[in-house]
Amino acid sequence: MTSNHTEHYSLSQWEAEDKVLRTDFNEDNVKIDRALGELAAASAAHGALLPRLGNCAVCAGSYTGTGDYQSAPLYFPGKPVFLMVRGNAAYGMLAIGGASTAFSIEADMPSSFQMTWGDRSVSWVGSGNFGKSLNDKGRTYHYMALLAMDE
């Protein structure tokens, strides 16, 4: 019987005076087989997810503001998961997976700002000066979106 064991799997580590037993080997083999089985299962699960990771397309464009608090929808060739809109020097918007963060250098922030995410579109509505700031009539705005390519 062994007097020492490995740190992680408690495998047998015989000292010179230890008696070697068949049961020690059998128990070690069960531990090794279990660990390799868990490793194989985790590897297969990670392998199935790997093609989906980092797989996106970049889409950029511009639109001209209409002067309304409600934006016209932006349409994309795939499902948008991230959107960044650059307004005038003081306003902009970041949106990730259905949530949004509006930011402004000026003090008056919107009392409400809501986004609507479609399978291939995004639109928003805001209030106050900020609500119109991303849709000033006749002004050109630029956007960049990441589109999911794993669906």
C-alpha atoms as a PDB file:
ATOM      1  CA  MET A   1       0.000   0.000   0.000  1.00  0.00           C
ATOM      2  CA  THR A   2       1.300   3.436  -0.942  1.00  0.00           C
ATOM      3  CA  SER A   3       2.086   6.062   1.696  1.00  0.00           C
ATOM      4  CA  ASN A   4       2.125   9.127  -0.616  1.00  0.00           C
ATOM      5  CA  HIS A   5      -0.301  10.470  -3.215  1.00  0.00           C
ATOM      6  CA  THR A   6      -0.158  13.091  -5.954  1.00  0.00           C
ATOM      7  CA  GLU A   7      -1.575  16.540  -5.211  1.00  0.00           C
ATOM      8  CA  HIS A   8      -4.385  16.812  -7.775  1.00  0.00           C
ATOM      9  CA  TYR A   9      -5.734  13.311  -8.361  1.00  0.00           C
ATOM     10  CA  SER A  10      -4.397  11.489  -5.319  1.00  0.00           C
ATOM     11  CA  LEU A  11      -2.599   8.920  -7.453  1.00  0.00           C
ATOM     12  CA  SER A  12      -0.319   6.438  -5.732  1.00  0.00           C
ATOM     13  CA  GLN A  13       3.308   7.457  -5.117  1.00  0.00           C
ATOM     14  CA  TRP A  14       5.237   4.548  -3.643  1.00  0.00           C
ATOM     15  CA  GLU A  15       8.149   4.890  -1.267  1.00  0.00           C
ATOM     16  CA  ALA A  16      10.860   2.212  -1.176  1.00  0.00           C
ATOM     17  CA  GLU A  17       9.335   0.581   1.918  1.00  0.00           C
ATOM     18  CA  ASP A  18       5.716   0.583   0.526  1.00  0.00           C
ATOM     19  CA  LYS A  19       4.086  -2.647  -0.539  1.00  0.00           C
ATOM     20  CA  VAL A  20       2.809  -2.485  -4.138  1.00  0.00           C
ATOM     21  CA  LEU A  21      -0.803  -3.632  -4.404  1.00  0.00           C
ATOM     22  CA  ARG A  22      -2.889  -4.361  -7.495  1.00  0.00           C
ATOM     23  CA  THR A  23      -5.838  -2.463  -5.941  1.00  0.00           C
ATOM     24  CA  ASP A  24      -3.733   0.731  -5.833  1.00  0.00           C
ATOM     25  CA  PHE A  25      -3.160   0.454  -9.597  1.00  0.00           C
ATOM     26  CA  ASN A  26      -6.836  -0.236 -10.262  1.00  0.00           C
ATOM     27  CA  GLU A  27      -7.944   2.756  -8.173  1.00  0.00           C
ATOM     28  CA  ASP A  28      -5.417   4.985  -9.977  1.00  0.00           C
ATOM     29  CA  ASN A  29      -6.657   3.775 -13.363  1.00  0.00           C
ATOM     30  CA  VAL A  30     -10.258   4.665 -12.424  1.00  0.00           C
ATOM     31  CA  LYS A  31      -9.142   8.167 -11.344  1.00  0.00           C
ATOM     32  CA  ILE A  32      -7.155   8.667 -14.568  1.00  0.00           C
ATOM     33  CA  ASP A  33     -10.006   7.382 -16.723  1.00  0.00           C
ATOM     34  CA  ARG A  34     -12.497   9.711 -14.989  1.00  0.00           C
ATOM     35  CA  ALA A  35     -10.181  12.731 -15.379  1.00  0.00           C
ATOM     36  CA  LEU A  36      -9.541  11.981 -19.066  1.00  0.00           C
ATOM     37  CA  GLY A  37     -13.282  11.524 -19.663  1.00  0.00           C
ATOM     38  CA  GLU A  38     -14.044  14.898 -18.062  1.00  0.00           C
ATOM     39  CA  LEU A  39     -11.279  16.501 -20.115  1.00  0.00           C
ATOM     40  CA  ALA A  40     -12.631  14.980 -23.344  1.00  0.00           C
ATOM     41  CA  ALA A  41     -16.169  16.189 -22.551  1.00  0.00           C
ATOM     42  CA  ALA A  42     -14.937  19.720 -21.787  1.00  0.00           C
ATOM     43  CA  SER A  43     -12.826  19.733 -24.947  1.00  0.00           C
ATOM     44  CA  ALA A  44     -15.807  18.667 -27.068  1.00  0.00           C
ATOM     45  CA  ALA A  45     -18.010  21.352 -25.490  1.00  0.00           C
ATOM     46  CA  HIS A  46     -15.379  24.034 -26.103  1.00  0.00           C
ATOM     47  CA  GLY A  47     -14.846  22.773 -29.638  1.00  0.00           C
ATOM     48  CA  ALA A  48     -18.554  23.171 -30.374  1.00  0.00           C
ATOM     49  CA  LEU A  49     -18.501  26.773 -29.106  1.00  0.00           C
ATOM     50  CA  LEU A  50     -15.241  27.832 -30.729  1.00  0.00           C
ATOM     51  CA  PRO A  51     -16.614  28.521 -34.238  1.00  0.00           C
ATOM     52  CA  ARG A  52     -19.106  30.964 -32.703  1.00  0.00           C
ATOM     53  CA  LEU A  53     -16.552  33.016 -30.758  1.00  0.00           C
ATOM     54  CA  GLY A  54     -15.350  36.243 -32.300  1.00  0.00           C
ATOM     55  CA  ASN A  55     -17.337  35.584 -35.435  1.00  0.00           C
ATOM     56  CA  CYS A  56     -18.824  38.919 -36.430  1.00  0.00           C
ATOM     57  CA  ALA A  57     -19.015  41.318 -39.329  1.00  0.00           C
ATOM     58  CA  VAL A  58     -18.453  45.049 -39.194  1.00  0.00           C
ATOM     59  CA  CYS A  59     -20.955  47.344 -40.819  1.00  0.00           C
ATOM     60  CA  ALA A  60     -20.529  51.112 -41.057  1.00  0.00           C
ATOM     61  CA  GLY A  61     -22.641  53.805 -42.598  1.00  0.00           C
ATOM     62  CA  SER A  62     -24.334  57.111 -42.127  1.00  0.00           C
ATOM     63  CA  TYR A  63     -27.817  58.608 -42.003  1.00  0.00           C
ATOM     64  CA  THR A  64     -29.291  62.079 -42.244  1.00  0.00           C
ATOM     65  CA  GLY A  65     -31.339  63.321 -39.294  1.00  0.00           C
ATOM     66  CA  THR A  66     -35.040  64.075 -39.687  1.00  0.00           C
ATOM     67  CA  GLY A  67     -35.462  66.339 -36.649  1.00  0.00           C
ATOM     68  CA  ASP A  68     -37.774  63.913 -34.782  1.00  0.00           C
ATOM     69  CA  TYR A  69     -37.293  62.408 -31.330  1.00  0.00           C
ATOM     70  CA  GLN A  70     -37.852  58.978 -32.922  1.00  0.00           C
ATOM     71  CA  SER A  71     -35.047  57.829 -35.200  1.00  0.00           C
ATOM     72  CA  ALA A  72     -35.680  56.071 -38.465  1.00  0.00           C
ATOM     73  CA  PRO A  73     -34.545  52.441 -38.140  1.00  0.00           C
ATOM     74  CA  LEU A  74     -31.033  51.582 -39.233  1.00  0.00           C
ATOM     75  CA  TYR A  75     -31.088  48.374 -41.289  1.00  0.00           C
ATOM     76  CA  PHE A  76     -28.250  45.845 -41.470  1.00  0.00           C
ATOM     77  CA  PRO A  77     -27.430  42.704 -43.483  1.00  0.00           C
ATOM     78  CA  GLY A  78     -27.281  40.686 -40.228  1.00  0.00           C
ATOM     79  CA  LYS A  79     -28.328  40.822 -36.581  1.00  0.00           C
ATOM     80  CA  PRO A  80     -26.790  43.847 -34.834  1.00  0.00           C
ATOM     81  CA  VAL A  81     -25.217  43.126 -31.434  1.00  0.00           C
ATOM     82  CA  PHE A  82     -23.262  46.374 -30.971  1.00  0.00           C
ATOM     83  CA  LEU A  83     -23.959  49.876 -32.269  1.00  0.00           C
ATOM     84  CA  MET A  84     -22.015  53.093 -31.928  1.00  0.00           C
ATOM     85  CA  VAL A  85     -23.427  56.349 -33.302  1.00  0.00           C
ATOM     86  CA  ARG A  86     -21.412  59.524 -33.454  1.00  0.00           C
ATOM     87  CA  GLY A  87     -23.494  62.638 -33.154  1.00  0.00           C
ATOM     88  CA  ASN A  88     -22.236  66.172 -33.086  1.00  0.00           C
ATOM     89  CA  ALA A  89     -19.206  67.001 -30.941  1.00  0.00           C
ATOM     90  CA  ALA A  90     -21.150  66.702 -27.680  1.00  0.00           C
ATOM     91  CA  TYR A  91     -23.380  63.642 -28.203  1.00  0.00           C
ATOM     92  CA  GLY A  92     -23.040  59.959 -28.998  1.00  0.00           C
ATOM     93  CA  MET A  93     -24.455  56.536 -28.226  1.00  0.00           C
ATOM     94  CA  LEU A  94     -23.155  53.047 -27.534  1.00  0.00           C
ATOM     95  CA  ALA A  95     -25.517  50.107 -27.545  1.00  0.00           C
ATOM     96  CA  ILE A  96     -24.702  46.476 -26.804  1.00  0.00           C
ATOM     97  CA  GLY A  97     -27.055  43.543 -27.241  1.00  0.00           C
ATOM     98  CA  GLY A  98     -30.287  45.374 -26.644  1.00  0.00           C
ATOM     99  CA  ALA A  99     -29.067  47.778 -23.959  1.00  0.00           C
ATOM    100  CA  SER A 100     -27.875  51.308 -24.559  1.00  0.00           C
ATOM    101  CA  THR A 101     -25.682  53.919 -22.973  1.00  0.00           C
ATOM    102  CA  ALA A 102     -26.197  57.462 -24.120  1.00  0.00           C
ATOM    103  CA  PHE A 103     -23.421  59.898 -23.363  1.00  0.00           C
ATOM    104  CA  SER A 104     -23.089  63.640 -23.539  1.00  0.00           C
ATOM    105  CA  ILE A 105     -20.418  66.194 -22.754  1.00  0.00           C
ATOM    106  CA  GLU A 106     -23.156  68.647 -21.833  1.00  0.00           C
ATOM    107  CA  ALA A 107     -25.096  68.488 -18.571  1.00  0.00           C
ATOM    108  CA  ASP A 108     -28.650  67.877 -19.816  1.00  0.00           C
ATOM    109  CA  MET A 109     -29.150  64.156 -20.242  1.00  0.00           C
ATOM    110  CA  PRO A 110     -32.388  62.642 -21.520  1.00  0.00           C
ATOM    111  CA  SER A 111     -35.161  61.791 -19.114  1.00  0.00           C
ATOM    112  CA  SER A 112     -35.786  58.721 -21.253  1.00  0.00           C
ATOM    113  CA  PHE A 113     -33.906  56.910 -23.970  1.00  0.00           C
ATOM    114  CA  GLN A 114     -35.221  53.644 -25.382  1.00  0.00           C
ATOM    115  CA  MET A 115     -33.925  51.397 -28.114  1.00  0.00           C
ATOM    116  CA  THR A 116     -35.745  48.851 -30.230  1.00  0.00           C
ATOM    117  CA  TRP A 117     -33.631  45.975 -31.521  1.00  0.00           C
ATOM    118  CA  GLY A 118     -34.914  43.942 -34.456  1.00  0.00           C
ATOM    119  CA  ASP A 119     -33.387  40.917 -36.164  1.00  0.00           C
ATOM    120  CA  ARG A 120     -31.757  43.258 -38.690  1.00  0.00           C
ATOM    121  CA  SER A 121     -32.491  46.736 -37.399  1.00  0.00           C
ATOM    122  CA  VAL A 122     -32.101  49.193 -34.521  1.00  0.00           C
ATOM    123  CA  SER A 123     -34.083  52.346 -33.765  1.00  0.00           C
ATOM    124  CA  TRP A 124     -34.378  54.613 -30.738  1.00  0.00           C
ATOM    125  CA  VAL A 125     -36.400  57.399 -29.192  1.00  0.00           C
ATOM    126  CA  GLY A 126     -35.181  59.971 -26.703  1.00  0.00           C
ATOM    127  CA  SER A 127     -36.468  63.078 -24.993  1.00  0.00           C
ATOM    128  CA  GLY A 128     -35.131  66.588 -24.400  1.00  0.00           C
ATOM    129  CA  ASN A 129     -32.226  68.080 -26.293  1.00  0.00           C
ATOM    130  CA  PHE A 130     -30.413  64.754 -26.287  1.00  0.00           C
ATOM    131  CA  GLY A 131     -33.323  62.977 -27.960  1.00  0.00           C
ATOM    132  CA  LYS A 132     -33.053  65.188 -31.003  1.00  0.00           C
ATOM    133  CA  SER A 133     -29.268  65.451 -30.887  1.00  0.00           C
ATOM    134  CA  LEU A 134     -28.859  62.121 -32.685  1.00  0.00           C
ATOM    135  CA  ASN A 135     -31.459  63.134 -35.239  1.00  0.00           C
ATOM    136  CA  ASP A 136     -30.990  66.858 -35.954  1.00  0.00           C
ATOM    137  CA  LYS A 137     -32.739  67.708 -39.194  1.00  0.00           C
ATOM    138  CA  GLY A 138     -30.349  67.639 -42.143  1.00  0.00           C
ATOM    139  CA  ARG A 139     -27.270  66.625 -40.092  1.00  0.00           C
ATOM    140  CA  THR A 140     -25.235  63.597 -41.167  1.00  0.00           C
ATOM    141  CA  TYR A 141     -24.460  60.994 -38.486  1.00  0.00           C
ATOM    142  CA  HIS A 142     -22.030  58.098 -38.722  1.00  0.00           C
ATOM    143  CA  TYR A 143     -22.443  54.678 -37.162  1.00  0.00           C
ATOM    144  CA  MET A 144     -20.539  51.444 -36.796  1.00  0.00           C
ATOM    145  CA  ALA A 145     -22.180  48.136 -35.906  1.00  0.00           C
ATOM    146  CA  LEU A 146     -21.002  44.613 -35.163  1.00  0.00           C
ATOM    147  CA  LEU A 147     -23.258  41.956 -36.634  1.00  0.00           C
ATOM    148  CA  ALA A 148     -23.615  38.417 -35.302  1.00  0.00           C
ATOM    149  CA  MET A 149     -22.515  35.874 -37.870  1.00  0.00           C
ATOM    150  CA  ASP A 150     -23.202  32.735 -35.831  1.00  0.00           C
ATOM    151  CA  GLU A 151     -26.917  32.381 -36.445  1.00  0.00           C
END
